[in-house]
C-alpha atoms as a PDB file:
ATOM      1  CA  MET A   1     119.119 115.095 114.369  1.00  0.00           C
ATOM      2  CA  ARG A   2     116.345 113.006 116.086  1.00  0.00           C
ATOM      3  CA  GLY A   3     116.086 114.780 119.194  1.00  0.00           C
ATOM      4  CA  SER A   4     116.863 118.281 118.660  1.00  0.00           C
ATOM      5  CA  ARG A   5     114.269 120.987 119.253  1.00  0.00           C
ATOM      6  CA  LYS A   6     112.789 123.205 116.495  1.00  0.00           C
ATOM      7  CA  MET A   7     114.540 122.099 113.283  1.00  0.00           C
ATOM      8  CA  ALA A   8     114.381 124.632 110.377  1.00  0.00           C
ATOM      9  CA  ILE A   9     113.270 123.036 107.012  1.00  0.00           C
ATOM     10  CA  SER A  10     114.107 123.753 104.034  1.00  0.00           C
ATOM     11  CA  ILE A  11     111.947 123.076 101.075  1.00  0.00           C
ATOM     12  CA  LYS A  12     113.396 123.297  97.517  1.00  0.00           C
ATOM     13  CA  LEU A  13     111.757 123.006  93.765  1.00  0.00           C
ATOM     14  CA  LEU A  14     114.622 121.168  91.420  1.00  0.00           C
ATOM     15  CA  SER A  15     115.823 122.536  89.172  1.00  0.00           C
ATOM     16  CA  ASP A  16     119.197 121.507  88.034  1.00  0.00           C
ATOM     17  CA  ASP A  17     121.506 118.456  88.255  1.00  0.00           C
ATOM     18  CA  LEU A  18     122.497 118.649  91.813  1.00  0.00           C
ATOM     19  CA  GLY A  19     118.811 118.572  93.754  1.00  0.00           C
ATOM     20  CA  TYR A  20     118.274 115.451  91.215  1.00  0.00           C
ATOM     21  CA  GLU A  21     120.936 114.477  92.020  1.00  0.00           C
ATOM     22  CA  GLU A  22     119.765 115.188  95.659  1.00  0.00           C
ATOM     23  CA  ALA A  23     116.476 113.366  94.704  1.00  0.00           C
ATOM     24  CA  ARG A  24     118.082 110.315  93.007  1.00  0.00           C
ATOM     25  CA  ASP A  25     120.198 109.634  96.408  1.00  0.00           C
ATOM     26  CA  LEU A  26     116.854 109.663  98.324  1.00  0.00           C
ATOM     27  CA  CYS A  27     115.076 107.561  96.030  1.00  0.00           C
ATOM     28  CA  ARG A  28     117.671 104.885  96.401  1.00  0.00           C
ATOM     29  CA  GLU A  29     118.135 104.724 100.537  1.00  0.00           C
ATOM     30  CA  TRP A  30     113.979 104.456 100.255  1.00  0.00           C
ATOM     31  CA  LEU A  31     114.530 101.493  98.092  1.00  0.00           C
ATOM     32  CA  LYS A  32     117.336 100.101 100.407  1.00  0.00           C
ATOM     33  CA  TRP A  33     114.878 100.791 102.816  1.00  0.00           C
ATOM     34  CA  HIS A  34     112.276  98.950 101.587  1.00  0.00           C
ATOM     35  CA  TRP A  35     113.875  95.639 100.786  1.00  0.00           C
ATOM     36  CA  GLU A  36     115.667  95.880 104.516  1.00  0.00           C
ATOM     37  CA  ASN A  37     112.207  96.324 105.546  1.00  0.00           C
ATOM     38  CA  TYR A  38     109.888  94.768 103.504  1.00  0.00           C
ATOM     39  CA  PRO A  39     111.173  91.425 101.837  1.00  0.00           C
ATOM     40  CA  SER A  40     108.090  90.154 100.976  1.00  0.00           C
ATOM     41  CA  ASP A  41     105.705  92.730 100.244  1.00  0.00           C
ATOM     42  CA  TRP A  42     105.049  91.848  96.907  1.00  0.00           C
ATOM     43  CA  PRO A  43     105.899  88.728  94.220  1.00  0.00           C
ATOM     44  CA  VAL A  44     109.506  89.245  92.784  1.00  0.00           C
ATOM     45  CA  GLU A  45     108.100  89.272  88.857  1.00  0.00           C
ATOM     46  CA  GLY A  46     106.925  92.500  87.741  1.00  0.00           C
ATOM     47  CA  ASN A  47     107.545  94.513  91.073  1.00  0.00           C
ATOM     48  CA  PRO A  48     107.802  97.924  90.460  1.00  0.00           C
ATOM     49  CA  MET A  49     110.850  98.223  92.882  1.00  0.00           C
ATOM     50  CA  GLU A  50     112.847  95.750  91.552  1.00  0.00           C
ATOM     51  CA  PRO A  51     116.282  97.483  91.206  1.00  0.00           C
ATOM     52  CA  GLU A  52     116.832  97.458  87.387  1.00  0.00           C
ATOM     53  CA  ARG A  53     113.497  99.171  86.603  1.00  0.00           C
ATOM     54  CA  PHE A  54     113.799 101.377  89.725  1.00  0.00           C
ATOM     55  CA  LYS A  55     117.164 102.346  88.040  1.00  0.00           C
ATOM     56  CA  LYS A  56     115.154 103.359  84.686  1.00  0.00           C
ATOM     57  CA  VAL A  57     112.934 105.159  86.727  1.00  0.00           C
ATOM     58  CA  LEU A  58     115.330 107.139  88.485  1.00  0.00           C
ATOM     59  CA  GLU A  59     117.480 108.182  85.477  1.00  0.00           C
ATOM     60  CA  ASP A  60     114.782 109.662  83.666  1.00  0.00           C
ATOM     61  CA  MET A  61     113.325 111.522  87.034  1.00  0.00           C
ATOM     62  CA  PRO A  62     113.521 115.204  85.844  1.00  0.00           C
ATOM     63  CA  ASN A  63     111.955 113.765  82.389  1.00  0.00           C
ATOM     64  CA  LEU A  64     109.247 112.138  84.325  1.00  0.00           C
ATOM     65  CA  HIS A  65     108.346 115.194  86.219  1.00  0.00           C
ATOM     66  CA  ALA A  66     109.416 118.024  84.145  1.00  0.00           C
ATOM     67  CA  ARG A  67     108.548 121.162  84.444  1.00  0.00           C
ATOM     68  CA  PRO A  68     105.663 123.001  84.246  1.00  0.00           C
ATOM     69  CA  ARG A  69     103.281 119.955  84.800  1.00  0.00           C
ATOM     70  CA  GLY A  70     105.119 117.958  87.177  1.00  0.00           C
ATOM     71  CA  GLY A  71     107.564 118.740  89.901  1.00  0.00           C
ATOM     72  CA  ILE A  72     110.109 117.272  92.356  1.00  0.00           C
ATOM     73  CA  PHE A  73     110.728 118.490  95.592  1.00  0.00           C
ATOM     74  CA  VAL A  74     113.255 117.806  97.998  1.00  0.00           C
ATOM     75  CA  ALA A  75     113.507 119.069 101.775  1.00  0.00           C
ATOM     76  CA  SER A  76     116.562 119.658 104.088  1.00  0.00           C
ATOM     77  CA  ILE A  77     117.501 120.223 107.153  1.00  0.00           C
ATOM     78  CA  ALA A  78     120.858 121.527 108.266  1.00  0.00           C
ATOM     79  CA  ASP A  79     121.632 121.567 104.155  1.00  0.00           C
ATOM     80  CA  GLN A  80     120.920 117.737 104.444  1.00  0.00           C
ATOM     81  CA  PRO A  81     118.714 116.006 101.780  1.00  0.00           C
ATOM     82  CA  VAL A  82     115.968 114.562 104.222  1.00  0.00           C
ATOM     83  CA  GLY A  83     112.978 113.789 101.793  1.00  0.00           C
ATOM     84  CA  CYS A  84     111.710 114.122  98.770  1.00  0.00           C
ATOM     85  CA  VAL A  85     108.164 114.077  96.578  1.00  0.00           C
ATOM     86  CA  MET A  86     107.575 114.179  93.347  1.00  0.00           C
ATOM     87  CA  TYR A  87     104.358 114.791  90.816  1.00  0.00           C
ATOM     88  CA  SER A  88     103.485 115.152  86.785  1.00  0.00           C
ATOM     89  CA  GLU A  89     100.071 115.087  85.251  1.00  0.00           C
ATOM     90  CA  GLN A  90      97.162 112.739  85.290  1.00  0.00           C
ATOM     91  CA  SER A  91      94.727 114.263  83.439  1.00  0.00           C
ATOM     92  CA  ALA A  92      94.105 117.928  82.528  1.00  0.00           C
ATOM     93  CA  LEU A  93      93.104 118.894  85.905  1.00  0.00           C
ATOM     94  CA  VAL A  94      94.658 116.233  88.152  1.00  0.00           C
ATOM     95  CA  ALA A  95      97.707 115.203  89.106  1.00  0.00           C
ATOM     96  CA  GLU A  96      99.581 112.167  90.256  1.00  0.00           C
ATOM     97  CA  PHE A  97     102.131 112.459  92.777  1.00  0.00           C
ATOM     98  CA  ASN A  98     105.090 109.331  93.809  1.00  0.00           C
ATOM     99  CA  ARG A  99     108.263 108.506  95.103  1.00  0.00           C
ATOM    100  CA  MET A 100     107.728 110.433  98.585  1.00  0.00           C
ATOM    101  CA  PHE A 101     109.904 109.492 100.990  1.00  0.00           C
ATOM    102  CA  VAL A 102     111.303 111.122 104.493  1.00  0.00           C
ATOM    103  CA  SER A 103     114.595 109.230 105.628  1.00  0.00           C
ATOM    104  CA  GLU A 104     115.044 107.993 109.236  1.00  0.00           C
ATOM    105  CA  ALA A 105     117.427 111.307 109.625  1.00  0.00           C
ATOM    106  CA  GLY A 106     114.238 113.029 108.836  1.00  0.00           C
ATOM    107  CA  ARG A 107     111.351 111.685 110.517  1.00  0.00           C
ATOM    108  CA  GLY A 108     109.739 113.081 113.548  1.00  0.00           C
ATOM    109  CA  HIS A 109     110.468 116.629 112.399  1.00  0.00           C
ATOM    110  CA  GLY A 110     106.998 117.432 109.938  1.00  0.00           C
ATOM    111  CA  VAL A 111     108.931 116.780 106.704  1.00  0.00           C
ATOM    112  CA  GLY A 112     106.046 114.877 105.054  1.00  0.00           C
ATOM    113  CA  ARG A 113     103.873 117.274 105.974  1.00  0.00           C
ATOM    114  CA  ARG A 114     105.804 120.012 105.072  1.00  0.00           C
ATOM    115  CA  LEU A 115     106.760 118.325 101.317  1.00  0.00           C
ATOM    116  CA  LEU A 116     103.294 117.900 101.130  1.00  0.00           C
ATOM    117  CA  ASP A 117     102.291 121.507 101.325  1.00  0.00           C
ATOM    118  CA  ALA A 118     104.615 122.176  99.225  1.00  0.00           C
ATOM    119  CA  MET A 119     103.709 120.133  96.617  1.00  0.00           C
ATOM    120  CA  PHE A 120      99.883 121.365  97.489  1.00  0.00           C
ATOM    121  CA  ASN A 121     100.742 124.520  96.473  1.00  0.00           C
ATOM    122  CA  GLN A 122     102.773 124.602  93.694  1.00  0.00           C
ATOM    123  CA  MET A 123      99.865 122.259  92.427  1.00  0.00           C
ATOM    124  CA  ILE A 124      97.351 124.932  92.447  1.00  0.00           C
ATOM    125  CA  GLU A 125      99.604 127.004  90.780  1.00  0.00           C
ATOM    126  CA  ASP A 126     100.466 124.760  88.196  1.00  0.00           C
ATOM    127  CA  GLY A 127      96.172 124.292  87.540  1.00  0.00           C
ATOM    128  CA  TYR A 128      95.370 121.237  88.799  1.00  0.00           C
ATOM    129  CA  GLN A 129      91.953 120.619  90.994  1.00  0.00           C
ATOM    130  CA  MET A 130      92.265 117.668  92.412  1.00  0.00           C
ATOM    131  CA  VAL A 131      95.900 114.668  93.050  1.00  0.00           C
ATOM    132  CA  MET A 132      95.679 111.174  93.490  1.00  0.00           C
ATOM    133  CA  PHE A 133      98.243 108.858  94.085  1.00  0.00           C
ATOM    134  CA  THR A 134      99.022 104.550  94.289  1.00  0.00           C
ATOM    135  CA  SER A 135     100.863 102.941  96.877  1.00  0.00           C
ATOM    136  CA  ALA A 136     101.858 100.380  98.702  1.00  0.00           C
ATOM    137  CA  LYS A 137      99.122  98.553 100.970  1.00  0.00           C
ATOM    138  CA  PHE A 138     101.774  97.610 103.347  1.00  0.00           C
ATOM    139  CA  LEU A 139     103.226 100.794 103.897  1.00  0.00           C
ATOM    140  CA  THR A 140      99.970 101.832 106.912  1.00  0.00           C
ATOM    141  CA  HIS A 141     101.705 104.188 108.638  1.00  0.00           C
ATOM    142  CA  ALA A 142     102.065 106.545 104.888  1.00  0.00           C
ATOM    143  CA  LYS A 143      98.084 106.149 104.689  1.00  0.00           C
ATOM    144  CA  ALA A 144      97.203 107.327 108.302  1.00  0.00           C
ATOM    145  CA  MET A 145      98.874 110.712 106.712  1.00  0.00           C
ATOM    146  CA  TYR A 146      97.630 110.749 103.536  1.00  0.00           C
ATOM    147  CA  GLU A 147      94.171 110.621 105.533  1.00  0.00           C
ATOM    148  CA  ASN A 148      95.130 113.001 107.902  1.00  0.00           C
ATOM    149  CA  VAL A 149      96.115 115.599 104.962  1.00  0.00           C
ATOM    150  CA  GLY A 150      92.622 114.874 103.224  1.00  0.00           C
ATOM    151  CA  PHE A 151      92.864 112.253 101.274  1.00  0.00           C
ATOM    152  CA  THR A 152      90.194 109.757 100.124  1.00  0.00           C
ATOM    153  CA  ASN A 153      89.757 106.185  99.011  1.00  0.00           C
ATOM    154  CA  ARG A 154      89.613 105.725  95.087  1.00  0.00           C
ATOM    155  CA  PRO A 155      89.681 102.821  92.536  1.00  0.00           C
ATOM    156  CA  HIS A 156      92.049 102.154  90.816  1.00  0.00           C
ATOM    157  CA  PRO A 157      92.898 104.118  87.571  1.00  0.00           C
ATOM    158  CA  GLU A 158      91.756 102.609  84.025  1.00  0.00           C
ATOM    159  CA  GLY A 159      94.984 101.160  82.458  1.00  0.00           C
ATOM    160  CA  PHE A 160      96.224 100.441  86.215  1.00  0.00           C
ATOM    161  CA  PRO A 161      97.976  96.598  85.735  1.00  0.00           C
ATOM    162  CA  ASP A 162      96.003  93.846  86.744  1.00  0.00           C
ATOM    163  CA  GLU A 163      98.378  92.265  88.656  1.00  0.00           C
ATOM    164  CA  TRP A 164      99.416  94.992  90.901  1.00  0.00           C
ATOM    165  CA  ILE A 165      95.808  95.533  92.446  1.00  0.00           C
ATOM    166  CA  PRO A 166      95.717  93.305  95.181  1.00  0.00           C
ATOM    167  CA  TYR A 167      98.913  94.964  96.218  1.00  0.00           C
ATOM    168  CA  THR A 168      98.412  98.549  96.183  1.00  0.00           C
ATOM    169  CA  TYR A 169      95.383 100.959  97.092  1.00  0.00           C
ATOM    170  CA  CYS A 170      94.666 104.222  95.561  1.00  0.00           C
ATOM    171  CA  MET A 171      93.981 107.545  97.107  1.00  0.00           C
ATOM    172  CA  GLU A 172      92.608 111.057  96.220  1.00  0.00           C
ATOM    173  CA  ARG A 173      92.011 115.146  97.277  1.00  0.00           C
ATOM    174  CA  SER A 174      90.973 117.961  95.750  1.00  0.00           C
ATOM    175  CA  LEU A 175      92.995 121.424  95.419  1.00  0.00           C
ATOM    176  CA  ARG A 176      90.384 123.028  96.098  1.00  0.00           C
ATOM    177  CA  ASP A 177      89.283 125.300  99.223  1.00  0.00           C
END
Protein backbone atom coordinates (compact mmCIF):
# COMPACT_ATOMS: atom_id res chain seq x y z
CA MET A 1 0.00 0.00 0.00
CA ARG A 2 2.93 2.34 0.53
CA GLY A 3 3.99 4.51 -2.33
CA SER A 4 0.57 4.64 -3.91
CA ARG A 5 -1.21 7.87 -4.54
CA LYS A 6 -4.12 9.04 -2.50
CA MET A 7 -5.72 5.96 -0.99
CA ALA A 8 -9.33 5.88 0.13
CA ILE A 9 -9.42 5.48 3.88
CA SER A 10 -12.59 4.30 5.55
CA ILE A 11 -13.20 4.68 9.27
CA LYS A 12 -15.88 2.74 11.10
CA LEU A 13 -17.19 2.82 14.64
CA LEU A 14 -17.41 -0.85 15.61
CA SER A 15 -20.60 -2.56 16.68
CA ASP A 16 -20.15 -6.24 15.85
CA ASP A 17 -17.96 -9.23 16.59
CA LEU A 18 -16.22 -9.17 13.18
CA GLY A 19 -15.11 -5.59 13.72
CA TYR A 20 -13.94 -6.33 17.25
CA GLU A 21 -11.80 -9.15 15.93
CA GLU A 22 -10.26 -6.75 13.37
CA ALA A 23 -9.38 -4.39 16.22
CA ARG A 24 -7.97 -7.26 18.30
CA ASP A 25 -5.83 -8.38 15.34
CA LEU A 26 -4.45 -4.84 15.00
CA CYS A 27 -3.71 -4.73 18.73
CA ARG A 28 -1.92 -8.09 18.50
CA GLU A 29 0.09 -6.74 15.57
CA TRP A 30 0.97 -3.69 17.71
CA LEU A 31 2.08 -5.89 20.60
CA LYS A 32 4.29 -7.95 18.29
CA TRP A 33 5.76 -4.74 16.78
CA HIS A 34 6.31 -3.34 20.27
CA TRP A 35 8.26 -6.33 21.55
CA GLU A 36 10.32 -6.61 18.34
CA ASN A 37 11.24 -2.91 18.35
CA TYR A 38 11.35 -2.06 22.05
CA PRO A 39 12.15 -5.25 23.97
CA SER A 40 13.65 -3.43 26.96
CA ASP A 41 11.45 -0.33 27.21
CA TRP A 42 10.05 -1.35 30.57
CA PRO A 43 10.82 -3.92 33.25
CA VAL A 44 9.05 -7.20 32.55
CA GLU A 45 7.35 -7.31 35.94
CA GLY A 46 4.26 -5.09 35.92
CA ASN A 47 4.50 -4.30 32.22
CA PRO A 48 1.02 -3.47 30.86
CA MET A 49 2.09 -4.98 27.52
CA GLU A 50 2.91 -8.34 29.08
CA PRO A 51 1.27 -10.79 26.64
CA GLU A 52 -1.06 -12.58 29.09
CA ARG A 53 -2.19 -9.31 30.65
CA PHE A 54 -2.72 -7.79 27.19
CA LYS A 55 -4.68 -10.86 26.06
CA LYS A 56 -7.18 -10.36 28.91
CA VAL A 57 -7.64 -6.70 27.96
CA LEU A 58 -8.32 -7.68 24.34
CA GLU A 59 -10.91 -10.24 25.40
CA ASP A 60 -12.78 -7.57 27.37
CA MET A 61 -12.26 -4.79 24.80
CA PRO A 62 -15.94 -4.49 23.71
CA ASN A 63 -16.99 -4.03 27.35
CA LEU A 64 -14.17 -1.63 28.20
CA HIS A 65 -15.12 0.65 25.30
CA ALA A 66 -18.86 0.02 25.09
CA ARG A 67 -21.27 2.53 23.61
CA PRO A 68 -22.70 4.97 24.54
CA ARG A 69 -19.76 6.26 26.67
CA GLY A 70 -16.97 4.63 24.67
CA GLY A 71 -16.13 3.41 21.20
CA ILE A 72 -13.70 1.49 19.04
CA PHE A 73 -12.73 2.72 15.57
CA VAL A 74 -11.01 0.75 12.82
CA ALA A 75 -9.50 2.35 9.73
CA SER A 76 -9.21 0.42 6.48
CA ILE A 77 -7.55 0.96 3.13
CA ALA A 78 -8.93 -1.17 0.27
CA ASP A 79 -10.98 -3.16 2.83
CA GLN A 80 -7.80 -4.06 4.73
CA PRO A 81 -7.79 -2.98 8.41
CA VAL A 82 -4.74 -0.77 8.98
CA GLY A 83 -5.41 1.14 12.20
CA CYS A 84 -7.47 1.39 15.35
CA VAL A 85 -8.16 3.62 18.33
CA MET A 86 -10.54 3.24 21.27
CA TYR A 87 -11.88 5.33 24.11
CA SER A 88 -13.93 5.16 27.27
CA GLU A 89 -15.20 7.46 29.99
CA GLN A 90 -12.50 8.66 32.38
CA SER A 91 -14.87 10.96 34.31
CA ALA A 92 -18.17 12.76 33.64
CA LEU A 93 -16.92 15.12 30.90
CA VAL A 94 -13.54 13.52 30.17
CA ALA A 95 -12.82 10.66 27.78
CA GLU A 96 -9.64 8.61 27.80
CA PHE A 97 -8.31 7.00 24.65
CA ASN A 98 -5.86 4.19 24.21
CA ARG A 99 -4.59 1.43 21.97
CA MET A 100 -4.09 3.70 18.97
CA PHE A 101 -2.11 1.87 16.33
CA VAL A 102 -1.48 2.21 12.61
CA SER A 103 0.10 -0.81 10.94
CA GLU A 104 3.18 -0.47 8.79
CA ALA A 105 0.94 -0.97 5.72
CA GLY A 106 -1.21 2.00 6.75
CA ARG A 107 1.54 4.45 7.67
CA GLY A 108 2.14 7.51 5.53
CA HIS A 109 -1.49 7.88 4.42
CA GLY A 110 -2.86 10.07 7.23
CA VAL A 111 -4.64 7.16 8.91
CA GLY A 112 -3.67 8.22 12.43
CA ARG A 113 -5.02 11.73 11.96
CA ARG A 114 -8.25 10.43 10.40
CA LEU A 115 -8.76 8.03 13.32
CA LEU A 116 -8.21 10.83 15.83
CA ASP A 117 -10.61 13.17 13.99
CA ALA A 118 -13.35 10.51 13.86
CA MET A 119 -12.83 9.75 17.54
CA PHE A 120 -12.88 13.45 18.53
CA ASN A 121 -16.13 13.99 16.62
CA GLN A 122 -17.76 11.00 18.29
CA MET A 123 -16.54 12.09 21.71
CA ILE A 124 -18.14 15.51 21.18
CA GLU A 125 -21.40 13.81 20.16
CA ASP A 126 -21.12 11.71 23.34
CA GLY A 127 -20.94 14.91 25.42
CA TYR A 128 -17.28 14.92 26.35
CA GLN A 129 -15.42 18.23 26.72
CA MET A 130 -11.90 16.92 27.24
CA VAL A 131 -9.85 13.92 26.15
CA MET A 132 -6.75 12.54 27.83
CA PHE A 133 -4.41 9.61 27.47
CA THR A 134 -1.27 8.03 28.82
CA SER A 135 1.45 6.66 26.58
CA ALA A 136 4.94 5.20 26.81
CA LYS A 137 7.84 7.67 26.74
CA PHE A 138 9.72 5.64 24.16
CA LEU A 139 7.01 6.37 21.54
CA THR A 140 8.45 9.80 20.73
CA HIS A 141 7.08 9.87 17.16
CA ALA A 142 3.55 9.43 18.53
CA LYS A 143 3.96 12.28 21.02
CA ALA A 144 4.87 14.66 18.19
CA MET A 145 1.67 13.70 16.34
CA TYR A 146 -0.43 14.26 19.47
CA GLU A 147 1.13 17.69 19.98
CA ASN A 148 0.31 18.54 16.36
CA VAL A 149 -3.40 17.88 17.00
CA GLY A 150 -3.53 20.05 20.11
CA PHE A 151 -2.60 17.79 23.03
CA THR A 152 -0.58 19.27 25.90
CA ASN A 153 1.19 17.63 28.82
CA ARG A 154 -0.73 17.01 32.04
CA PRO A 155 0.03 15.27 35.34
CA HIS A 156 -0.71 11.58 35.72
CA PRO A 157 -4.27 11.03 37.00
CA GLU A 158 -4.95 10.25 40.64
CA GLY A 159 -4.54 6.55 41.34
CA PHE A 160 -2.13 5.99 38.43
CA PRO A 161 0.30 3.16 39.34
CA ASP A 162 3.46 4.75 40.79
CA GLU A 163 5.68 2.10 39.20
CA TRP A 164 4.50 3.10 35.70
CA ILE A 165 5.14 6.85 36.06
CA PRO A 166 8.86 6.75 35.08
CA TYR A 167 7.94 5.07 31.77
CA THR A 168 4.90 7.13 30.75
CA TYR A 169 3.59 10.60 30.02
CA CYS A 170 0.04 11.96 30.04
CA MET A 171 -1.55 14.48 27.71
CA GLU A 172 -4.92 16.17 27.33
CA ARG A 173 -6.85 18.17 24.74
CA SER A 174 -10.01 20.23 24.90
CA LEU A 175 -12.86 19.10 22.66
CA ARG A 176 -14.46 22.54 22.71
CA ASP A 177 -14.01 24.90 19.79
